[in-house]
């Protein structure tokens, strides 16, 4: 992608990012994880962002936990 191409879409990209952040902030208080770990804040925020982007519940947390060699949550 050239700078000119990026420049033509940067406002839309930034708006999309802000929309996802607003949705994630709204979703975050509704997320309750069964397991508390050192990374639970990261897992909750990642899960909220994932749901704001339209992914299924627990999709982020389980993918994150598998990547770290941990047991996925149900």
N, C-alpha and C. Protein backbone atom coordinates (compact mmCIF):
# COMPACT_ATOMS: atom_id res chain seq x y z
N UNK A 1 0.85 -1.17 0.00
CA UNK A 1 0.00 0.00 0.00
C UNK A 1 0.90 1.24 0.00
N UNK A 2 0.60 2.14 -0.85
CA UNK A 2 1.37 3.38 -0.91
C UNK A 2 0.83 4.37 0.11
N UNK A 3 1.61 5.40 0.37
CA UNK A 3 1.16 6.44 1.28
C UNK A 3 -0.10 7.10 0.75
N UNK A 4 -0.16 7.32 -0.52
CA UNK A 4 -1.34 7.97 -1.12
C UNK A 4 -2.59 7.11 -0.92
N UNK A 5 -2.44 5.80 -1.07
CA UNK A 5 -3.58 4.90 -0.85
C UNK A 5 -4.01 4.92 0.62
N UNK A 6 -3.00 4.86 1.50
CA UNK A 6 -3.31 4.90 2.92
C UNK A 6 -3.96 6.22 3.30
N UNK A 7 -3.44 7.30 2.78
CA UNK A 7 -3.97 8.62 3.09
C UNK A 7 -5.45 8.72 2.72
N UNK A 8 -5.84 8.02 1.66
CA UNK A 8 -7.24 8.10 1.22
C UNK A 8 -8.19 7.32 2.13
N UNK A 9 -7.66 6.38 2.93
CA UNK A 9 -8.53 5.57 3.79
C UNK A 9 -8.28 5.79 5.28
N UNK A 10 -7.28 6.57 5.66
CA UNK A 10 -6.90 6.67 7.07
C UNK A 10 -8.03 7.17 7.97
N UNK A 11 -8.85 8.09 7.50
CA UNK A 11 -9.96 8.58 8.33
C UNK A 11 -10.97 7.47 8.61
N UNK A 12 -11.26 6.65 7.62
CA UNK A 12 -12.20 5.53 7.82
C UNK A 12 -11.61 4.49 8.77
N UNK A 13 -10.31 4.22 8.64
CA UNK A 13 -9.66 3.24 9.50
C UNK A 13 -9.70 3.72 10.95
N UNK A 14 -9.35 4.97 11.17
CA UNK A 14 -9.35 5.53 12.52
C UNK A 14 -10.76 5.53 13.12
N UNK A 15 -11.74 5.88 12.33
CA UNK A 15 -13.14 5.88 12.80
C UNK A 15 -13.55 4.46 13.19
N UNK A 16 -13.15 3.47 12.39
CA UNK A 16 -13.48 2.08 12.69
C UNK A 16 -12.82 1.64 14.00
N UNK A 17 -11.57 2.01 14.20
CA UNK A 17 -10.87 1.68 15.44
C UNK A 17 -11.59 2.30 16.63
N UNK A 18 -11.96 3.57 16.53
CA UNK A 18 -12.67 4.23 17.63
C UNK A 18 -14.02 3.59 17.89
N UNK A 19 -14.73 3.19 16.84
CA UNK A 19 -16.02 2.51 17.03
C UNK A 19 -15.83 1.21 17.82
N UNK A 20 -14.78 0.46 17.49
CA UNK A 20 -14.52 -0.80 18.19
C UNK A 20 -14.15 -0.54 19.65
N UNK A 21 -13.35 0.48 19.91
CA UNK A 21 -12.96 0.82 21.28
C UNK A 21 -14.20 1.19 22.10
N UNK A 22 -15.10 1.99 21.55
CA UNK A 22 -16.32 2.38 22.26
C UNK A 22 -17.17 1.14 22.57
N UNK A 23 -17.34 0.27 21.60
CA UNK A 23 -18.12 -0.96 21.83
C UNK A 23 -17.45 -1.83 22.89
N UNK A 24 -16.12 -1.96 22.82
CA UNK A 24 -15.39 -2.78 23.79
C UNK A 24 -15.56 -2.23 25.21
N UNK A 25 -15.52 -0.92 25.36
CA UNK A 25 -15.71 -0.30 26.67
C UNK A 25 -17.11 -0.60 27.20
N UNK A 26 -18.09 -0.64 26.32
CA UNK A 26 -19.46 -0.95 26.73
C UNK A 26 -19.62 -2.43 27.09
N UNK A 27 -18.93 -3.30 26.38
CA UNK A 27 -19.04 -4.75 26.58
C UNK A 27 -18.24 -5.21 27.79
N UNK A 28 -17.10 -4.61 28.06
CA UNK A 28 -16.16 -5.06 29.08
C UNK A 28 -16.81 -5.37 30.43
N UNK A 29 -17.70 -4.53 30.96
CA UNK A 29 -18.29 -4.85 32.28
C UNK A 29 -19.15 -6.11 32.29
N UNK A 30 -19.58 -6.59 31.14
CA UNK A 30 -20.44 -7.77 31.08
C UNK A 30 -19.65 -9.07 31.03
N UNK A 31 -18.35 -9.00 30.90
CA UNK A 31 -17.53 -10.20 30.74
C UNK A 31 -17.10 -10.71 32.11
N UNK A 32 -17.44 -11.97 32.38
CA UNK A 32 -17.04 -12.62 33.61
C UNK A 32 -16.32 -13.91 33.21
N UNK A 33 -15.06 -14.00 33.57
CA UNK A 33 -14.29 -15.20 33.26
C UNK A 33 -14.27 -16.12 34.47
N UNK A 34 -14.38 -17.41 34.23
CA UNK A 34 -14.43 -18.39 35.31
C UNK A 34 -13.08 -18.54 36.01
N UNK A 35 -12.01 -18.34 35.28
CA UNK A 35 -10.68 -18.54 35.82
C UNK A 35 -9.97 -17.20 35.95
N UNK A 36 -9.41 -16.96 37.11
CA UNK A 36 -8.65 -15.72 37.32
C UNK A 36 -7.17 -16.05 37.17
N UNK A 37 -6.51 -15.34 36.30
CA UNK A 37 -5.08 -15.55 36.11
C UNK A 37 -4.37 -14.21 36.12
N UNK A 38 -3.06 -14.25 36.03
CA UNK A 38 -2.29 -13.01 35.99
C UNK A 38 -2.64 -12.17 34.78
N UNK A 39 -3.12 -12.81 33.74
CA UNK A 39 -3.45 -12.09 32.50
C UNK A 39 -4.94 -11.85 32.35
N UNK A 40 -5.70 -11.97 33.44
CA UNK A 40 -7.15 -11.86 33.32
C UNK A 40 -7.61 -10.49 32.80
N UNK A 41 -6.91 -9.41 33.17
CA UNK A 41 -7.27 -8.10 32.63
C UNK A 41 -7.09 -8.07 31.13
N UNK A 42 -5.97 -8.61 30.66
CA UNK A 42 -5.71 -8.68 29.22
C UNK A 42 -6.75 -9.56 28.54
N UNK A 43 -7.07 -10.69 29.15
CA UNK A 43 -8.06 -11.59 28.57
C UNK A 43 -9.43 -10.92 28.49
N UNK A 44 -9.83 -10.19 29.52
CA UNK A 44 -11.13 -9.51 29.52
C UNK A 44 -11.17 -8.41 28.45
N UNK A 45 -10.13 -7.61 28.38
CA UNK A 45 -10.11 -6.55 27.38
C UNK A 45 -10.06 -7.12 25.97
N UNK A 46 -9.22 -8.13 25.76
CA UNK A 46 -9.15 -8.77 24.45
C UNK A 46 -10.48 -9.39 24.06
N UNK A 47 -11.14 -10.00 25.02
CA UNK A 47 -12.45 -10.60 24.76
C UNK A 47 -13.48 -9.53 24.42
N UNK A 48 -13.44 -8.41 25.12
CA UNK A 48 -14.37 -7.31 24.82
C UNK A 48 -14.14 -6.77 23.42
N UNK A 49 -12.89 -6.58 23.05
CA UNK A 49 -12.57 -6.10 21.69
C UNK A 49 -13.02 -7.12 20.66
N UNK A 50 -12.76 -8.39 20.93
CA UNK A 50 -13.15 -9.45 20.01
C UNK A 50 -14.67 -9.45 19.78
N UNK A 51 -15.42 -9.34 20.86
CA UNK A 51 -16.89 -9.31 20.72
C UNK A 51 -17.35 -8.05 20.01
N UNK A 52 -16.69 -6.93 20.26
CA UNK A 52 -17.04 -5.68 19.58
C UNK A 52 -16.81 -5.81 18.07
N UNK A 53 -15.87 -6.66 17.70
CA UNK A 53 -15.57 -6.87 16.28
C UNK A 53 -16.46 -7.95 15.66
N UNK A 54 -17.34 -8.56 16.48
CA UNK A 54 -18.29 -9.52 15.95
C UNK A 54 -17.92 -10.98 16.13
N UNK A 55 -16.86 -11.27 16.88
CA UNK A 55 -16.50 -12.66 17.11
C UNK A 55 -17.39 -13.28 18.18
N UNK A 56 -17.44 -14.59 18.22
CA UNK A 56 -18.28 -15.31 19.18
C UNK A 56 -17.71 -15.18 20.59
N UNK A 57 -18.59 -15.28 21.61
CA UNK A 57 -18.11 -15.24 22.99
C UNK A 57 -17.04 -16.30 23.26
N UNK A 58 -16.03 -15.91 23.99
CA UNK A 58 -14.90 -16.74 24.42
C UNK A 58 -13.94 -17.12 23.29
N UNK A 59 -14.17 -16.64 22.10
CA UNK A 59 -13.29 -16.98 20.98
C UNK A 59 -11.89 -16.42 21.20
N UNK A 60 -11.78 -15.18 21.67
CA UNK A 60 -10.47 -14.60 21.93
C UNK A 60 -9.79 -15.29 23.10
N UNK A 61 -10.49 -15.41 24.20
CA UNK A 61 -9.89 -15.99 25.41
C UNK A 61 -9.36 -17.38 25.13
N UNK A 62 -10.15 -18.20 24.47
CA UNK A 62 -9.71 -19.56 24.20
C UNK A 62 -8.51 -19.59 23.25
N UNK A 63 -8.52 -18.77 22.24
CA UNK A 63 -7.38 -18.71 21.32
C UNK A 63 -6.13 -18.22 22.05
N UNK A 64 -6.30 -17.23 22.90
CA UNK A 64 -5.17 -16.70 23.67
C UNK A 64 -4.61 -17.77 24.61
N UNK A 65 -5.49 -18.44 25.31
CA UNK A 65 -5.05 -19.46 26.26
C UNK A 65 -4.36 -20.62 25.56
N UNK A 66 -4.89 -21.05 24.42
CA UNK A 66 -4.25 -22.13 23.67
C UNK A 66 -2.85 -21.69 23.21
N UNK A 67 -2.74 -20.44 22.76
CA UNK A 67 -1.43 -19.95 22.30
C UNK A 67 -0.41 -19.89 23.43
N UNK A 68 -0.89 -19.77 24.67
CA UNK A 68 0.00 -19.73 25.83
C UNK A 68 0.18 -21.11 26.46
N UNK A 69 -0.40 -22.13 25.84
CA UNK A 69 -0.26 -23.49 26.36
C UNK A 69 -1.14 -23.76 27.57
N UNK A 70 -2.20 -23.00 27.71
CA UNK A 70 -3.11 -23.17 28.84
C UNK A 70 -4.39 -23.85 28.38
N UNK A 71 -5.15 -24.34 29.33
CA UNK A 71 -6.43 -24.99 29.03
C UNK A 71 -7.47 -23.95 28.64
N UNK A 72 -8.16 -24.12 27.49
CA UNK A 72 -9.25 -23.19 27.12
C UNK A 72 -10.38 -23.26 28.14
N UNK A 73 -11.10 -22.15 28.28
CA UNK A 73 -12.26 -22.11 29.15
C UNK A 73 -13.49 -22.58 28.38
N UNK A 74 -14.46 -23.09 29.07
CA UNK A 74 -15.68 -23.57 28.39
C UNK A 74 -16.56 -22.46 27.97
